[in-house]
Every structure is written in C-alpha cells, then in structure tokens.
Amino acid sequence: MRPTAPLLATLGILVMCATSSIKRAEGFPPTDDRACVQAAQRDDLEHMLIAMEFKNDCAGPRACMVTWSVKCDGKSRPHKEAVVLAVSEVKTVTLSAAGCDGDWEIQPAKWSCRTAKK
C-alpha cells in the first residue's frame, strides 16, 4: 500500500515539530544561526582530543561560542572558545584532555552562533 499525499504531509509536519522540540530541549534558542553553520566532530582518542570543525554557510559572518568540560580524575574543568567565521570560512576548535594524567573524559560540547557585529 502506497502512502497518500495527506499522510506524507502529516508525517513531515511531525518531523519538523520533533526537530524543533529537540533543539529547544538542548537549550538553543530559536534565533540561533545553527541552521547555516555546519559542525563536524573528529575524535582522536590516541592524542586525547576532539576536533570540532565549523563552516559558515550563512550569507554573512557569524560569531560562535563553544563550551565544553574536561573531566580529569573525577574533577571537571569548564572551557570555552569564541570563533568568528567569515562567509564560507572553516575553523577548527580543539577540545583536549592532554593535561590529564589518569582517567579522562571530554564532555559533549555545546555551541551557538549569531550574526557577527561589525
């Protein structure tokens, strides 16, 4: 049995609503420019780091803030880095646990971007 057009339209609306709810639950405001800034993560466990690569596909420059925590031997240390991206620019933020001697964990990064002030 093939799905009908009204059924497909209803499913599309449900998916859009679910995606919107997930972003709000993560604490990202609806005015966030995450729709046109792309992020990719590369894990390098051998060197105790995560590389977060950001690409600006927006029509203008964007100012982004990345926050994360590094947990060393049970103690968590917060970190943050600001990044300004020109149109089509790609930059990498490195999240490192290289200073840890024992057990370590890089907790998930949170990021948001806004139109950069001139």
PDB file of N, CA and C in Angstrom:
ATOM      1  N   MET A   1       0.839  -1.176   0.000  1.00  0.00           N
ATOM      2  CA  MET A   1       0.000   0.000   0.000  1.00  0.00           C
ATOM      3  C   MET A   1       0.890   1.248   0.000  1.00  0.00           C
ATOM      4  N   ARG A   2       0.646   2.185  -0.917  1.00  0.00           N
ATOM      5  CA  ARG A   2       1.437   3.406  -1.022  1.00  0.00           C
ATOM      6  C   ARG A   2       0.864   4.477  -0.103  1.00  0.00           C
ATOM      7  N   PRO A   3       1.719   5.258   0.586  1.00  0.00           N
ATOM      8  CA  PRO A   3       1.227   6.341   1.434  1.00  0.00           C
ATOM      9  C   PRO A   3       0.593   7.440   0.583  1.00  0.00           C
ATOM     10  N   THR A   4      -0.439   8.034   1.107  1.00  0.00           N
ATOM     11  CA  THR A   4      -1.127   9.110   0.394  1.00  0.00           C
ATOM     12  C   THR A   4      -0.453  10.442   0.677  1.00  0.00           C
ATOM     13  N   ALA A   5      -0.737  11.437  -0.175  1.00  0.00           N
ATOM     14  CA  ALA A   5      -0.140  12.773  -0.003  1.00  0.00           C
ATOM     15  C   ALA A   5      -0.475  13.381   1.360  1.00  0.00           C
ATOM     16  N   PRO A   6      -1.756  13.307   1.827  1.00  0.00           N
ATOM     17  CA  PRO A   6      -2.044  13.888   3.148  1.00  0.00           C
ATOM     18  C   PRO A   6      -1.262  13.206   4.274  1.00  0.00           C
ATOM     19  N   LEU A   7      -1.076  11.882   4.160  1.00  0.00           N
ATOM     20  CA  LEU A   7      -0.315  11.168   5.187  1.00  0.00           C
ATOM     21  C   LEU A   7       1.136  11.630   5.177  1.00  0.00           C
ATOM     22  N   LEU A   8       1.737  11.763   3.997  1.00  0.00           N
ATOM     23  CA  LEU A   8       3.125  12.227   3.901  1.00  0.00           C
ATOM     24  C   LEU A   8       3.263  13.646   4.443  1.00  0.00           C
ATOM     25  N   ALA A   9       2.307  14.522   4.152  1.00  0.00           N
ATOM     26  CA  ALA A   9       2.358  15.901   4.659  1.00  0.00           C
ATOM     27  C   ALA A   9       2.287  15.910   6.180  1.00  0.00           C
ATOM     28  N   THR A  10       1.421  15.072   6.752  1.00  0.00           N
ATOM     29  CA  THR A  10       1.290  14.987   8.212  1.00  0.00           C
ATOM     30  C   THR A  10       2.593  14.495   8.842  1.00  0.00           C
ATOM     31  N   LEU A  11       3.214  13.480   8.241  1.00  0.00           N
ATOM     32  CA  LEU A  11       4.477  12.969   8.766  1.00  0.00           C
ATOM     33  C   LEU A  11       5.559  14.035   8.698  1.00  0.00           C
ATOM     34  N   GLY A  12       5.594  14.827   7.631  1.00  0.00           N
ATOM     35  CA  GLY A  12       6.570  15.907   7.506  1.00  0.00           C
ATOM     36  C   GLY A  12       6.412  16.939   8.599  1.00  0.00           C
ATOM     37  N   ILE A  13       5.186  17.302   8.916  1.00  0.00           N
ATOM     38  CA  ILE A  13       4.917  18.274   9.986  1.00  0.00           C
ATOM     39  C   ILE A  13       5.362  17.710  11.331  1.00  0.00           C
ATOM     40  N   LEU A  14       5.101  16.426  11.583  1.00  0.00           N
ATOM     41  CA  LEU A  14       5.507  15.803  12.842  1.00  0.00           C
ATOM     42  C   LEU A  14       7.019  15.802  12.984  1.00  0.00           C
ATOM     43  N   VAL A  15       7.740  15.513  11.903  1.00  0.00           N
ATOM     44  CA  VAL A  15       9.203  15.508  11.957  1.00  0.00           C
ATOM     45  C   VAL A  15       9.721  16.911  12.245  1.00  0.00           C
ATOM     46  N   MET A  16       9.167  17.947  11.580  1.00  0.00           N
ATOM     47  CA  MET A  16       9.603  19.326  11.826  1.00  0.00           C
ATOM     48  C   MET A  16       9.355  19.715  13.273  1.00  0.00           C
ATOM     49  N   CYS A  17       8.205  19.359  13.827  1.00  0.00           N
ATOM     50  CA  CYS A  17       7.891  19.706  15.215  1.00  0.00           C
ATOM     51  C   CYS A  17       8.842  18.991  16.172  1.00  0.00           C
ATOM     52  N   ALA A  18       9.133  17.726  15.915  1.00  0.00           N
ATOM     53  CA  ALA A  18      10.027  16.970  16.786  1.00  0.00           C
ATOM     54  C   ALA A  18      11.424  17.569  16.764  1.00  0.00           C
ATOM     55  N   THR A  19      11.926  17.949  15.588  1.00  0.00           N
ATOM     56  CA  THR A  19      13.249  18.553  15.483  1.00  0.00           C
ATOM     57  C   THR A  19      13.299  19.864  16.246  1.00  0.00           C
ATOM     58  N   SER A  20      12.287  20.685  16.119  1.00  0.00           N
ATOM     59  CA  SER A  20      12.236  21.963  16.821  1.00  0.00           C
ATOM     60  C   SER A  20      12.242  21.752  18.326  1.00  0.00           C
ATOM     61  N   SER A  21      11.510  20.761  18.800  1.00  0.00           N
ATOM     62  CA  SER A  21      11.448  20.482  20.234  1.00  0.00           C
ATOM     63  C   SER A  21      12.794  20.014  20.760  1.00  0.00           C
ATOM     64  N   ILE A  22      13.513  19.230  19.969  1.00  0.00           N
ATOM     65  CA  ILE A  22      14.812  18.737  20.410  1.00  0.00           C
ATOM     66  C   ILE A  22      15.769  19.909  20.583  1.00  0.00           C
ATOM     67  N   LYS A  23      15.812  20.841  19.637  1.00  0.00           N
ATOM     68  CA  LYS A  23      16.719  21.990  19.754  1.00  0.00           C
ATOM     69  C   LYS A  23      16.396  22.816  20.997  1.00  0.00           C
ATOM     70  N   ARG A  24      15.119  23.041  21.264  1.00  0.00           N
ATOM     71  CA  ARG A  24      14.764  23.813  22.453  1.00  0.00           C
ATOM     72  C   ARG A  24      15.153  23.058  23.715  1.00  0.00           C
ATOM     73  N   ALA A  25      14.990  21.739  23.720  1.00  0.00           N
ATOM     74  CA  ALA A  25      15.333  20.946  24.902  1.00  0.00           C
ATOM     75  C   ALA A  25      16.820  21.016  25.183  1.00  0.00           C
ATOM     76  N   GLU A  26      17.664  21.167  24.147  1.00  0.00           N
ATOM     77  CA  GLU A  26      19.103  21.265  24.338  1.00  0.00           C
ATOM     78  C   GLU A  26      19.524  22.658  24.780  1.00  0.00           C
ATOM     79  N   GLY A  27      18.592  23.596  24.828  1.00  0.00           N
ATOM     80  CA  GLY A  27      18.919  24.929  25.304  1.00  0.00           C
ATOM     81  C   GLY A  27      19.336  25.906  24.221  1.00  0.00           C
ATOM     82  N   PHE A  28      19.077  25.596  22.966  1.00  0.00           N
ATOM     83  CA  PHE A  28      19.423  26.501  21.888  1.00  0.00           C
ATOM     84  C   PHE A  28      18.202  27.332  21.521  1.00  0.00           C
ATOM     85  N   PRO A  29      18.297  28.645  21.610  1.00  0.00           N
ATOM     86  CA  PRO A  29      17.149  29.489  21.300  1.00  0.00           C
ATOM     87  C   PRO A  29      16.784  29.413  19.820  1.00  0.00           C
ATOM     88  N   PRO A  30      15.510  29.652  19.479  1.00  0.00           N
ATOM     89  CA  PRO A  30      15.075  29.534  18.097  1.00  0.00           C
ATOM     90  C   PRO A  30      15.734  30.550  17.166  1.00  0.00           C
ATOM     91  N   THR A  31      16.350  31.616  17.678  1.00  0.00           N
ATOM     92  CA  THR A  31      17.002  32.609  16.831  1.00  0.00           C
ATOM     93  C   THR A  31      18.452  32.229  16.530  1.00  0.00           C
ATOM     94  N   ASP A  32      18.912  31.103  17.016  1.00  0.00           N
ATOM     95  CA  ASP A  32      20.275  30.636  16.812  1.00  0.00           C
ATOM     96  C   ASP A  32      20.547  30.399  15.325  1.00  0.00           C
ATOM     97  N   ASP A  33      21.754  30.713  14.862  1.00  0.00           N
ATOM     98  CA  ASP A  33      22.129  30.559  13.460  1.00  0.00           C
ATOM     99  C   ASP A  33      22.673  29.176  13.139  1.00  0.00           C
ATOM    100  N   ARG A  34      22.366  28.179  13.908  1.00  0.00           N
ATOM    101  CA  ARG A  34      22.891  26.832  13.676  1.00  0.00           C
ATOM    102  C   ARG A  34      22.420  26.250  12.356  1.00  0.00           C
ATOM    103  N   ALA A  35      21.361  26.793  11.769  1.00  0.00           N
ATOM    104  CA  ALA A  35      20.846  26.254  10.509  1.00  0.00           C
ATOM    105  C   ALA A  35      21.830  26.469   9.361  1.00  0.00           C
ATOM    106  N   CYS A  36      22.635  27.514   9.401  1.00  0.00           N
ATOM    107  CA  CYS A  36      23.553  27.781   8.287  1.00  0.00           C
ATOM    108  C   CYS A  36      25.024  27.666   8.675  1.00  0.00           C
ATOM    109  N   VAL A  37      25.326  27.286   9.906  1.00  0.00           N
ATOM    110  CA  VAL A  37      26.696  26.975  10.310  1.00  0.00           C
ATOM    111  C   VAL A  37      26.748  25.464  10.532  1.00  0.00           C
ATOM    112  N   GLN A  38      27.645  24.817   9.820  1.00  0.00           N
ATOM    113  CA  GLN A  38      27.765  23.362   9.907  1.00  0.00           C
ATOM    114  C   GLN A  38      28.890  22.999  10.874  1.00  0.00           C
ATOM    115  N   ALA A  39      28.690  21.927  11.640  1.00  0.00           N
ATOM    116  CA  ALA A  39      29.710  21.460  12.580  1.00  0.00           C
ATOM    117  C   ALA A  39      29.967  19.975  12.346  1.00  0.00           C
ATOM    118  N   ALA A  40      31.233  19.604  12.402  1.00  0.00           N
ATOM    119  CA  ALA A  40      31.624  18.199  12.292  1.00  0.00           C
ATOM    120  C   ALA A  40      32.626  17.903  13.402  1.00  0.00           C
ATOM    121  N   GLN A  41      32.564  16.700  13.930  1.00  0.00           N
ATOM    122  CA  GLN A  41      33.431  16.312  15.052  1.00  0.00           C
ATOM    123  C   GLN A  41      34.318  15.150  14.637  1.00  0.00           C
ATOM    124  N   ARG A  42      35.614  15.268  14.937  1.00  0.00           N
ATOM    125  CA  ARG A  42      36.573  14.184  14.707  1.00  0.00           C
ATOM    126  C   ARG A  42      37.202  13.819  16.045  1.00  0.00           C
ATOM    127  N   ASP A  43      37.065  12.564  16.443  1.00  0.00           N
ATOM    128  CA  ASP A  43      37.645  12.089  17.699  1.00  0.00           C
ATOM    129  C   ASP A  43      39.042  11.532  17.446  1.00  0.00           C
ATOM    130  N   ASP A  44      40.002  11.920  18.260  1.00  0.00           N
ATOM    131  CA  ASP A  44      41.372  11.411  18.200  1.00  0.00           C
ATOM    132  C   ASP A  44      41.732  10.955  19.616  1.00  0.00           C
ATOM    133  N   LEU A  45      41.298   9.743  19.952  1.00  0.00           N
ATOM    134  CA  LEU A  45      41.485   9.240  21.309  1.00  0.00           C
ATOM    135  C   LEU A  45      42.949   8.998  21.638  1.00  0.00           C
ATOM    136  N   GLU A  46      43.758   8.671  20.636  1.00  0.00           N
ATOM    137  CA  GLU A  46      45.182   8.443  20.865  1.00  0.00           C
ATOM    138  C   GLU A  46      45.863   9.705  21.403  1.00  0.00           C
ATOM    139  N   HIS A  47      45.438  10.873  20.917  1.00  0.00           N
ATOM    140  CA  HIS A  47      46.019  12.144  21.355  1.00  0.00           C
ATOM    141  C   HIS A  47      45.133  12.883  22.362  1.00  0.00           C
ATOM    142  N   MET A  48      44.092  12.202  22.837  1.00  0.00           N
ATOM    143  CA  MET A  48      43.201  12.725  23.872  1.00  0.00           C
ATOM    144  C   MET A  48      42.535  14.031  23.452  1.00  0.00           C
ATOM    145  N   LEU A  49      42.001  14.069  22.234  1.00  0.00           N
ATOM    146  CA  LEU A  49      41.351  15.297  21.795  1.00  0.00           C
ATOM    147  C   LEU A  49      40.186  15.028  20.858  1.00  0.00           C
ATOM    148  N   ILE A  50      39.360  16.045  20.747  1.00  0.00           N
ATOM    149  CA  ILE A  50      38.259  16.079  19.792  1.00  0.00           C
ATOM    150  C   ILE A  50      38.425  17.366  18.999  1.00  0.00           C
ATOM    151  N   ALA A  51      38.371  17.265  17.684  1.00  0.00           N
ATOM    152  CA  ALA A  51      38.448  18.446  16.821  1.00  0.00           C
ATOM    153  C   ALA A  51      37.037  18.753  16.324  1.00  0.00           C
ATOM    154  N   MET A  52      36.548  19.950  16.633  1.00  0.00           N
ATOM    155  CA  MET A  52      35.236  20.405  16.164  1.00  0.00           C
ATOM    156  C   MET A  52      35.483  21.385  15.018  1.00  0.00           C
ATOM    157  N   GLU A  53      35.026  21.036  13.819  1.00  0.00           N
ATOM    158  CA  GLU A  53      35.221  21.885  12.649  1.00  0.00           C
ATOM    159  C   GLU A  53      33.920  22.604  12.325  1.00  0.00           C
ATOM    160  N   PHE A  54      33.989  23.927  12.172  1.00  0.00           N
ATOM    161  CA  PHE A  54      32.823  24.756  11.895  1.00  0.00           C
ATOM    162  C   PHE A  54      32.974  25.400  10.519  1.00  0.00           C
ATOM    163  N   LYS A  55      31.883  25.374   9.741  1.00  0.00           N
ATOM    164  CA  LYS A  55      31.877  26.004   8.416  1.00  0.00           C
ATOM    165  C   LYS A  55      30.680  26.940   8.336  1.00  0.00           C
ATOM    166  N   ASN A  56      30.936  28.168   7.893  1.00  0.00           N
ATOM    167  CA  ASN A  56      29.883  29.172   7.782  1.00  0.00           C
ATOM    168  C   ASN A  56      29.287  29.159   6.377  1.00  0.00           C
ATOM    169  N   ASP A  57      28.049  28.657   6.266  1.00  0.00           N
ATOM    170  CA  ASP A  57      27.307  28.678   5.017  1.00  0.00           C
ATOM    171  C   ASP A  57      26.266  29.800   5.017  1.00  0.00           C
ATOM    172  N   CYS A  58      26.356  30.716   5.975  1.00  0.00           N
ATOM    173  CA  CYS A  58      25.410  31.820   6.091  1.00  0.00           C
ATOM    174  C   CYS A  58      25.758  32.917   5.081  1.00  0.00           C
ATOM    175  N   ALA A  59      24.851  33.861   4.905  1.00  0.00           N
ATOM    176  CA  ALA A  59      25.046  34.972   3.971  1.00  0.00           C
ATOM    177  C   ALA A  59      26.008  36.027   4.509  1.00  0.00           C
ATOM    178  N   GLY A  60      26.297  36.002   5.818  1.00  0.00           N
ATOM    179  CA  GLY A  60      27.199  36.978   6.427  1.00  0.00           C
ATOM    180  C   GLY A  60      28.061  36.315   7.484  1.00  0.00           C
ATOM    181  N   PRO A  61      28.984  37.063   8.088  1.00  0.00           N
ATOM    182  CA  PRO A  61      29.873  36.498   9.115  1.00  0.00           C
ATOM    183  C   PRO A  61      29.092  36.098  10.374  1.00  0.00           C
ATOM    184  N   ARG A  62      29.613  35.098  11.086  1.00  0.00           N
ATOM    185  CA  ARG A  62      28.975  34.605  12.296  1.00  0.00           C
ATOM    186  C   ARG A  62      29.979  34.550  13.439  1.00  0.00           C
ATOM    187  N   ALA A  63      29.518  34.881  14.635  1.00  0.00           N
ATOM    188  CA  ALA A  63      30.305  34.763  15.864  1.00  0.00           C
ATOM    189  C   ALA A  63      29.748  33.569  16.632  1.00  0.00           C
ATOM    190  N   CYS A  64      30.600  32.603  16.916  1.00  0.00           N
ATOM    191  CA  CYS A  64      30.159  31.378  17.573  1.00  0.00           C
ATOM    192  C   CYS A  64      30.868  31.209  18.918  1.00  0.00           C
ATOM    193  N   MET A  65      30.190  30.567  19.844  1.00  0.00           N
ATOM    194  CA  MET A  65      30.752  30.251  21.152  1.00  0.00           C
ATOM    195  C   MET A  65      30.637  28.739  21.352  1.00  0.00           C
ATOM    196  N   VAL A  66      31.748  28.127  21.736  1.00  0.00           N
ATOM    197  CA  VAL A  66      31.795  26.693  22.002  1.00  0.00           C
ATOM    198  C   VAL A  66      32.136  26.506  23.476  1.00  0.00           C
ATOM    199  N   THR A  67      31.361  25.697  24.181  1.00  0.00           N
ATOM    200  CA  THR A  67      31.641  25.404  25.593  1.00  0.00           C
ATOM    201  C   THR A  67      31.689  23.885  25.777  1.00  0.00           C
ATOM    202  N   TRP A  68      32.580  23.445  26.667  1.00  0.00           N
ATOM    203  CA  TRP A  68      32.712  22.031  26.968  1.00  0.00           C
ATOM    204  C   TRP A  68      33.415  21.881  28.312  1.00  0.00           C
ATOM    205  N   SER A  69      33.443  20.664  28.812  1.00  0.00           N
ATOM    206  CA  SER A  69      34.148  20.366  30.061  1.00  0.00           C
ATOM    207  C   SER A  69      35.085  19.193  29.837  1.00  0.00           C
ATOM    208  N   VAL A  70      36.225  19.245  30.519  1.00  0.00           N
ATOM    209  CA  VAL A  70      37.174  18.131  30.519  1.00  0.00           C
ATOM    210  C   VAL A  70      37.206  17.590  31.941  1.00  0.00           C
ATOM    211  N   LYS A  71      36.971  16.305  32.068  1.00  0.00           N
ATOM    212  CA  LYS A  71      36.969  15.658  33.379  1.00  0.00           C
ATOM    213  C   LYS A  71      38.258  14.850  33.521  1.00  0.00           C
ATOM    214  N   CYS A  72      39.085  15.241  34.506  1.00  0.00           N
ATOM    215  CA  CYS A  72      40.350  14.546  34.796  1.00  0.00           C
ATOM    216  C   CYS A  72      40.282  13.975  36.200  1.00  0.00           C
ATOM    217  N   ASP A  73      40.449  12.675  36.319  1.00  0.00           N
ATOM    218  CA  ASP A  73      40.463  12.022  37.634  1.00  0.00           C
ATOM    219  C   ASP A  73      39.304  12.479  38.524  1.00  0.00           C
ATOM    220  N   GLY A  74      38.118  12.586  37.944  1.00  0.00           N
ATOM    221  CA  GLY A  74      36.927  12.934  38.711  1.00  0.00           C
ATOM    222  C   GLY A  74      36.657  14.417  38.868  1.00  0.00           C
ATOM    223  N   LYS A  75      37.599  15.282  38.470  1.00  0.00           N
ATOM    224  CA  LYS A  75      37.395  16.731  38.576  1.00  0.00           C
ATOM    225  C   LYS A  75      37.096  17.303  37.199  1.00  0.00           C
ATOM    226  N   SER A  76      36.022  18.087  37.134  1.00  0.00           N
ATOM    227  CA  SER A  76      35.591  18.665  35.856  1.00  0.00           C
ATOM    228  C   SER A  76      36.054  20.119  35.748  1.00  0.00           C
ATOM    229  N   ARG A  77      36.618  20.484  34.587  1.00  0.00           N
ATOM    230  CA  ARG A  77      37.056  21.858  34.333  1.00  0.00           C
ATOM    231  C   ARG A  77      36.319  22.393  33.108  1.00  0.00           C
ATOM    232  N   PRO A  78      35.621  23.513  33.255  1.00  0.00           N
ATOM    233  CA  PRO A  78      34.905  24.080  32.110  1.00  0.00           C
ATOM    234  C   PRO A  78      35.867  24.815  31.170  1.00  0.00           C
ATOM    235  N   HIS A  79      35.529  24.809  29.888  1.00  0.00           N
ATOM    236  CA  HIS A  79      36.314  25.503  28.864  1.00  0.00           C
ATOM    237  C   HIS A  79      35.348  26.194  27.909  1.00  0.00           C
ATOM    238  N   LYS A  80      35.835  27.264  27.260  1.00  0.00           N
ATOM    239  CA  LYS A  80      35.040  27.900  26.222  1.00  0.00           C
ATOM    240  C   LYS A  80      35.976  28.575  25.235  1.00  0.00           C
ATOM    241  N   GLU A  81      35.496  28.710  24.005  1.00  0.00           N
ATOM    242  CA  GLU A  81      36.274  29.383  22.968  1.00  0.00           C
ATOM    243  C   GLU A  81      35.319  30.096  22.014  1.00  0.00           C
ATOM    244  N   ALA A  82      35.658  31.332  21.705  1.00  0.00           N
ATOM    245  CA  ALA A  82      34.889  32.117  20.742  1.00  0.00           C
ATOM    246  C   ALA A  82      35.549  31.992  19.370  1.00  0.00           C
ATOM    247  N   VAL A  83      34.718  31.896  18.336  1.00  0.00           N
ATOM    248  CA  VAL A  83      35.195  31.770  16.965  1.00  0.00           C
ATOM    249  C   VAL A  83      34.380  32.707  16.091  1.00  0.00           C
ATOM    250  N   VAL A  84      35.051  33.505  15.266  1.00  0.00           N
ATOM    251  CA  VAL A  84      34.355  34.344  14.281  1.00  0.00           C
ATOM    252  C   VAL A  84      34.634  33.751  12.914  1.00  0.00           C
ATOM    253  N   LEU A  85      33.548  33.494  12.167  1.00  0.00           N
ATOM    254  CA  LEU A  85      33.648  32.868  10.851  1.00  0.00           C
ATOM    255  C   LEU A  85      33.194  33.830   9.760  1.00  0.00           C
ATOM    256  N   ALA A  86      34.056  34.092   8.798  1.00  0.00           N
ATOM    257  CA  ALA A  86      33.654  34.856   7.617  1.00  0.00           C
ATOM    258  C   ALA A  86      32.789  33.941   6.738  1.00  0.00           C
ATOM    259  N   VAL A  87      32.157  34.491   5.741  1.00  0.00           N
ATOM    260  CA  VAL A  87      31.328  33.694   4.824  1.00  0.00           C
ATOM    261  C   VAL A  87      32.203  32.605   4.189  1.00  0.00           C
ATOM    262  N   SER A  88      31.722  31.375   4.207  1.00  0.00           N
ATOM    263  CA  SER A  88      32.388  30.182   3.643  1.00  0.00           C
ATOM    264  C   SER A  88      33.665  29.776   4.386  1.00  0.00           C
ATOM    265  N   GLU A  89      33.986  30.427   5.494  1.00  0.00           N
ATOM    266  CA  GLU A  89      35.206  30.097   6.233  1.00  0.00           C
ATOM    267  C   GLU A  89      35.007  28.839   7.080  1.00  0.00           C
ATOM    268  N   VAL A  90      36.093  28.095   7.233  1.00  0.00           N
ATOM    269  CA  VAL A  90      36.115  26.897   8.066  1.00  0.00           C
ATOM    270  C   VAL A  90      37.176  27.102   9.147  1.00  0.00           C
ATOM    271  N   LYS A  91      36.814  26.835  10.404  1.00  0.00           N
ATOM    272  CA  LYS A  91      37.762  26.903  11.519  1.00  0.00           C
ATOM    273  C   LYS A  91      37.561  25.682  12.409  1.00  0.00           C
ATOM    274  N   THR A  92      38.639  25.313  13.096  1.00  0.00           N
ATOM    275  CA  THR A  92      38.599  24.153  13.981  1.00  0.00           C
ATOM    276  C   THR A  92      38.872  24.578  15.415  1.00  0.00           C
ATOM    277  N   VAL A  93      38.059  24.060  16.339  1.00  0.00           N
ATOM    278  CA  VAL A  93      38.262  24.244  17.777  1.00  0.00           C
ATOM    279  C   VAL A  93      38.688  22.890  18.319  1.00  0.00           C
ATOM    280  N   THR A  94      39.796  22.870  19.069  1.00  0.00           N
ATOM    281  CA  THR A  94      40.318  21.619  19.612  1.00  0.00           C
ATOM    282  C   THR A  94      39.955  21.492  21.080  1.00  0.00           C
ATOM    283  N   LEU A  95      39.279  20.400  21.424  1.00  0.00           N
ATOM    284  CA  LEU A  95      38.919  20.075  22.798  1.00  0.00           C
ATOM    285  C   LEU A  95      39.916  19.016  23.253  1.00  0.00           C
ATOM    286  N   SER A  96      40.765  19.351  24.207  1.00  0.00           N
ATOM    287  CA  SER A  96      41.867  18.455  24.558  1.00  0.00           C
ATOM    288  C   SER A  96      41.856  18.070  26.034  1.00  0.00           C
ATOM    289  N   ALA A  97      42.220  16.831  26.279  1.00  0.00           N
ATOM    290  CA  ALA A  97      42.404  16.335  27.642  1.00  0.00           C
ATOM    291  C   ALA A  97      43.868  15.968  27.848  1.00  0.00           C
ATOM    292  N   ALA A  98      44.758  16.561  27.045  1.00  0.00           N
ATOM    293  CA  ALA A  98      46.184  16.214  27.078  1.00  0.00           C
ATOM    294  C   ALA A  98      46.827  16.453  28.438  1.00  0.00           C
ATOM    295  N   GLY A  99      46.300  17.368  29.243  1.00  0.00           N
ATOM    296  CA  GLY A  99      46.879  17.639  30.559  1.00  0.00           C
ATOM    297  C   GLY A  99      46.489  16.635  31.627  1.00  0.00           C
ATOM    298  N   CYS A 100      45.654  15.676  31.296  1.00  0.00           N
ATOM    299  CA  CYS A 100      45.200  14.686  32.284  1.00  0.00           C
ATOM    300  C   CYS A 100      46.208  13.540  32.400  1.00  0.00           C
ATOM    301  N   ASP A 101      46.480  13.124  33.640  1.00  0.00           N
ATOM    302  CA  ASP A 101      47.408  12.020  33.854  1.00  0.00           C
ATOM    303  C   ASP A 101      46.709  10.674  33.944  1.00  0.00           C
ATOM    304  N   GLY A 102      45.516  10.643  34.531  1.00  0.00           N
ATOM    305  CA  GLY A 102      44.809   9.379  34.732  1.00  0.00           C
ATOM    306  C   GLY A 102      43.583   9.284  33.833  1.00  0.00           C
ATOM    307  N   ASP A 103      42.471   8.917  34.448  1.00  0.00           N
ATOM    308  CA  ASP A 103      41.219   8.805  33.709  1.00  0.00           C
ATOM    309  C   ASP A 103      40.794  10.175  33.208  1.00  0.00           C
ATOM    310  N   TRP A 104      40.219  10.215  32.002  1.00  0.00           N
ATOM    311  CA  TRP A 104      39.786  11.493  31.442  1.00  0.00           C
ATOM    312  C   TRP A 104      38.537  11.297  30.597  1.00  0.00           C
ATOM    313  N   GLU A 105      37.818  12.387  30.441  1.00  0.00           N
ATOM    314  CA  GLU A 105      36.616  12.399  29.600  1.00  0.00           C
ATOM    315  C   GLU A 105      36.402  13.831  29.106  1.00  0.00           C
ATOM    316  N   ILE A 106      36.148  13.962  27.806  1.00  0.00           N
ATOM    317  CA  ILE A 106      35.753  15.257  27.255  1.00  0.00           C
ATOM    318  C   ILE A 106      34.248  15.211  27.130  1.00  0.00           C
ATOM    319  N   GLN A 107      33.586  16.036  27.904  1.00  0.00           N
ATOM    320  CA  GLN A 107      32.128  16.019  27.913  1.00  0.00           C
ATOM    321  C   GLN A 107      31.613  16.721  26.662  1.00  0.00           C
ATOM    322  N   PRO A 108      30.426  16.363  26.179  1.00  0.00           N
ATOM    323  CA  PRO A 108      29.915  16.901  24.921  1.00  0.00           C
ATOM    324  C   PRO A 108      29.932  18.434  24.866  1.00  0.00           C
ATOM    325  N   ALA A 109      30.379  18.934  23.729  1.00  0.00           N
ATOM    326  CA  ALA A 109      30.432  20.388  23.513  1.00  0.00           C
ATOM    327  C   ALA A 109      29.052  20.920  23.169  1.00  0.00           C
ATOM    328  N   LYS A 110      28.800  22.153  23.601  1.00  0.00           N
ATOM    329  CA  LYS A 110      27.597  22.884  23.201  1.00  0.00           C
ATOM    330  C   LYS A 110      28.084  24.104  22.436  1.00  0.00           C
ATOM    331  N   TRP A 111      27.352  24.487  21.402  1.00  0.00           N
ATOM    332  CA  TRP A 111      27.773  25.648  20.629  1.00  0.00           C
ATOM    333  C   TRP A 111      26.568  26.388  20.092  1.00  0.00           C
ATOM    334  N   SER A 112      26.775  27.677  19.869  1.00  0.00           N
ATOM    335  CA  SER A 112      25.740  28.512  19.268  1.00  0.00           C
ATOM    336  C   SER A 112      26.436  29.608  18.466  1.00  0.00           C
ATOM    337  N   CYS A 113      25.735  30.129  17.475  1.00  0.00           N
ATOM    338  CA  CYS A 113      26.290  31.175  16.616  1.00  0.00           C
ATOM    339  C   CYS A 113      25.249  32.275  16.426  1.00  0.00           C
ATOM    340  N   ARG A 114      25.750  33.466  16.216  1.00  0.00           N
ATOM    341  CA  ARG A 114      24.923  34.652  15.981  1.00  0.00           C
ATOM    342  C   ARG A 114      25.565  35.459  14.859  1.00  0.00           C
ATOM    343  N   THR A 115      24.814  36.385  14.308  1.00  0.00           N
ATOM    344  CA  THR A 115      25.365  37.301  13.329  1.00  0.00           C
ATOM    345  C   THR A 115      26.477  38.092  14.004  1.00  0.00           C
ATOM    346  N   ALA A 116      27.654  38.132  13.368  1.00  0.00           N
ATOM    347  CA  ALA A 116      28.804  38.837  13.955  1.00  0.00           C
ATOM    348  C   ALA A 116      28.596  40.339  13.847  1.00  0.00           C
ATOM    349  N   LYS A 117      28.961  41.045  14.912  1.00  0.00           N
ATOM    350  CA  LYS A 117      28.869  42.507  14.902  1.00  0.00           C
ATOM    351  C   LYS A 117      30.027  43.066  14.102  1.00  0.00           C
ATOM    352  N   LYS A 118      29.751  44.121  13.374  1.00  0.00           N
ATOM    353  CA  LYS A 118      30.798  44.735  12.528  1.00  0.00           C
ATOM    354  C   LYS A 118      31.561  45.786  13.281  1.00  0.00           C
TER     355      LYS A 118
END
